[in-house]
Amino acid sequence: MEHKRNNPEFKESSDKIDLVRMQPEIALLSSMQKSKTLTLIVIIGILGFAGFLYFLYKMA
């Protein structure tokens, strides 16, 4: 009895465009263009982190 696997074959790509698309920053920006909620969450996160750093700076 032969078992067949349904896993797709891995195709390795070395295109420079694919290497750029795999960067997390590029993926985040392209996802933010599609989602208003993600954009809002990222902005709130950046403001919260900046506020926390400002708080630590003032405490020192």
N, C-alpha and C. Protein backbone atom coordinates (compact mmCIF):
# COMPACT_ATOMS: atom_id res chain seq x y z
N MET A 1 0.84 -1.18 0.00
CA MET A 1 0.00 0.00 0.00
C MET A 1 0.89 1.25 0.00
N GLU A 2 0.65 2.10 -0.94
CA GLU A 2 1.47 3.30 -1.07
C GLU A 2 0.72 4.50 -0.49
N HIS A 3 1.41 5.25 0.36
CA HIS A 3 0.82 6.44 0.96
C HIS A 3 1.19 7.65 0.12
N LYS A 4 0.19 8.40 -0.24
CA LYS A 4 0.44 9.63 -0.99
C LYS A 4 0.40 10.81 -0.03
N ARG A 5 1.32 11.69 -0.22
CA ARG A 5 1.37 12.90 0.62
C ARG A 5 0.70 14.04 -0.12
N ASN A 6 -0.03 14.83 0.62
CA ASN A 6 -0.71 15.99 0.03
C ASN A 6 0.07 17.27 0.22
N ASN A 7 1.29 17.16 0.68
CA ASN A 7 2.11 18.36 0.91
C ASN A 7 2.59 18.91 -0.43
N PRO A 8 2.47 20.21 -0.63
CA PRO A 8 2.98 20.79 -1.87
C PRO A 8 4.51 20.77 -1.87
N GLU A 9 5.06 20.72 -3.05
CA GLU A 9 6.51 20.72 -3.15
C GLU A 9 7.03 22.12 -2.82
N PHE A 10 8.16 22.17 -2.14
CA PHE A 10 8.78 23.44 -1.77
C PHE A 10 9.57 23.95 -2.96
N LYS A 11 9.22 25.14 -3.40
CA LYS A 11 9.93 25.73 -4.52
C LYS A 11 10.79 26.87 -3.97
N GLU A 12 12.08 26.67 -4.05
CA GLU A 12 13.00 27.68 -3.54
C GLU A 12 13.16 28.77 -4.58
N SER A 13 13.00 30.00 -4.15
CA SER A 13 13.12 31.12 -5.05
C SER A 13 14.25 32.02 -4.58
N SER A 14 15.02 32.49 -5.50
CA SER A 14 16.13 33.38 -5.14
C SER A 14 15.99 34.73 -5.83
N ASP A 15 14.76 35.07 -6.25
CA ASP A 15 14.54 36.39 -6.85
C ASP A 15 14.73 37.47 -5.80
N LYS A 16 15.30 38.57 -6.21
CA LYS A 16 15.54 39.67 -5.28
C LYS A 16 14.23 40.27 -4.79
N ILE A 17 13.20 40.29 -5.64
CA ILE A 17 11.90 40.83 -5.24
C ILE A 17 11.30 39.97 -4.13
N ASP A 18 11.43 38.64 -4.25
CA ASP A 18 10.92 37.75 -3.21
C ASP A 18 11.66 37.96 -1.90
N LEU A 19 12.95 38.21 -1.98
CA LEU A 19 13.73 38.45 -0.76
C LEU A 19 13.29 39.73 -0.07
N VAL A 20 12.93 40.74 -0.84
CA VAL A 20 12.44 41.99 -0.27
C VAL A 20 11.07 41.79 0.36
N ARG A 21 10.21 41.02 -0.31
CA ARG A 21 8.85 40.78 0.21
C ARG A 21 8.86 39.98 1.50
N MET A 22 9.92 39.21 1.75
CA MET A 22 9.99 38.40 2.96
C MET A 22 10.40 39.20 4.19
N GLN A 23 10.80 40.44 4.01
CA GLN A 23 11.18 41.27 5.15
C GLN A 23 9.93 41.59 5.97
N PRO A 24 10.02 41.48 7.31
CA PRO A 24 8.84 41.73 8.15
C PRO A 24 8.27 43.13 7.99
N GLU A 25 9.13 44.11 7.80
CA GLU A 25 8.65 45.49 7.69
C GLU A 25 7.79 45.67 6.43
N ILE A 26 8.22 45.08 5.33
CA ILE A 26 7.48 45.18 4.08
C ILE A 26 6.14 44.46 4.21
N ALA A 27 6.16 43.29 4.85
CA ALA A 27 4.92 42.54 5.03
C ALA A 27 3.94 43.31 5.93
N LEU A 28 4.47 43.95 6.98
CA LEU A 28 3.60 44.73 7.87
C LEU A 28 2.99 45.91 7.12
N LEU A 29 3.80 46.61 6.35
CA LEU A 29 3.28 47.77 5.61
C LEU A 29 2.23 47.35 4.59
N SER A 30 2.45 46.24 3.90
CA SER A 30 1.45 45.81 2.92
C SER A 30 0.16 45.36 3.61
N SER A 31 0.28 44.76 4.79
CA SER A 31 -0.92 44.37 5.54
C SER A 31 -1.64 45.59 6.09
N MET A 32 -0.88 46.61 6.50
CA MET A 32 -1.49 47.83 7.02
C MET A 32 -2.26 48.58 5.93
N GLN A 33 -1.81 48.46 4.69
CA GLN A 33 -2.53 49.11 3.59
C GLN A 33 -3.90 48.49 3.38
N LYS A 34 -4.05 47.21 3.73
CA LYS A 34 -5.31 46.51 3.54
C LYS A 34 -6.24 46.60 4.74
N SER A 35 -5.70 46.90 5.94
CA SER A 35 -6.50 46.82 7.16
C SER A 35 -6.40 48.11 7.97
N LYS A 36 -7.54 48.77 8.15
CA LYS A 36 -7.59 49.98 8.97
C LYS A 36 -7.37 49.63 10.44
N THR A 37 -7.88 48.48 10.87
CA THR A 37 -7.74 48.07 12.26
C THR A 37 -6.28 47.83 12.61
N LEU A 38 -5.56 47.14 11.75
CA LEU A 38 -4.14 46.89 11.99
C LEU A 38 -3.36 48.19 12.04
N THR A 39 -3.69 49.12 11.15
CA THR A 39 -3.03 50.42 11.14
C THR A 39 -3.25 51.15 12.46
N LEU A 40 -4.48 51.12 12.95
CA LEU A 40 -4.80 51.77 14.22
C LEU A 40 -4.04 51.11 15.38
N ILE A 41 -3.99 49.79 15.39
CA ILE A 41 -3.30 49.06 16.46
C ILE A 41 -1.81 49.39 16.45
N VAL A 42 -1.20 49.46 15.26
CA VAL A 42 0.23 49.77 15.16
C VAL A 42 0.50 51.19 15.64
N ILE A 43 -0.35 52.14 15.26
CA ILE A 43 -0.17 53.54 15.70
C ILE A 43 -0.31 53.65 17.21
N ILE A 44 -1.31 53.00 17.78
CA ILE A 44 -1.49 53.01 19.24
C ILE A 44 -0.29 52.37 19.93
N GLY A 45 0.23 51.29 19.37
CA GLY A 45 1.39 50.64 19.96
C GLY A 45 2.62 51.52 19.93
N ILE A 46 2.84 52.21 18.83
CA ILE A 46 4.00 53.11 18.73
C ILE A 46 3.86 54.26 19.71
N LEU A 47 2.66 54.84 19.81
CA LEU A 47 2.45 55.94 20.76
C LEU A 47 2.61 55.46 22.20
N GLY A 48 2.11 54.28 22.50
CA GLY A 48 2.25 53.73 23.85
C GLY A 48 3.72 53.47 24.20
N PHE A 49 4.46 52.92 23.25
CA PHE A 49 5.88 52.66 23.48
C PHE A 49 6.65 53.96 23.66
N ALA A 50 6.33 54.97 22.83
CA ALA A 50 7.00 56.27 22.95
C ALA A 50 6.65 56.92 24.29
N GLY A 51 5.39 56.80 24.72
CA GLY A 51 5.00 57.35 26.02
C GLY A 51 5.72 56.65 27.16
N PHE A 52 5.89 55.34 27.06
CA PHE A 52 6.61 54.59 28.08
C PHE A 52 8.08 55.02 28.15
N LEU A 53 8.70 55.19 26.99
CA LEU A 53 10.09 55.66 26.97
C LEU A 53 10.21 57.07 27.55
N TYR A 54 9.24 57.93 27.24
CA TYR A 54 9.24 59.29 27.80
C TYR A 54 9.08 59.24 29.33
N PHE A 55 8.21 58.36 29.80
CA PHE A 55 8.02 58.19 31.23
C PHE A 55 9.32 57.74 31.91
N LEU A 56 10.01 56.78 31.31
CA LEU A 56 11.28 56.32 31.88
C LEU A 56 12.32 57.41 31.85
N TYR A 57 12.34 58.23 30.80
CA TYR A 57 13.29 59.32 30.68
C TYR A 57 13.06 60.35 31.78
N LYS A 58 11.79 60.68 32.06
CA LYS A 58 11.47 61.65 33.09
C LYS A 58 11.75 61.13 34.49
N MET A 59 11.68 59.82 34.69
CA MET A 59 11.92 59.23 36.00
C MET A 59 13.42 59.21 36.35
N ALA A 60 14.27 59.25 35.34
CA ALA A 60 15.71 59.16 35.57
C ALA A 60 16.30 60.45 36.02
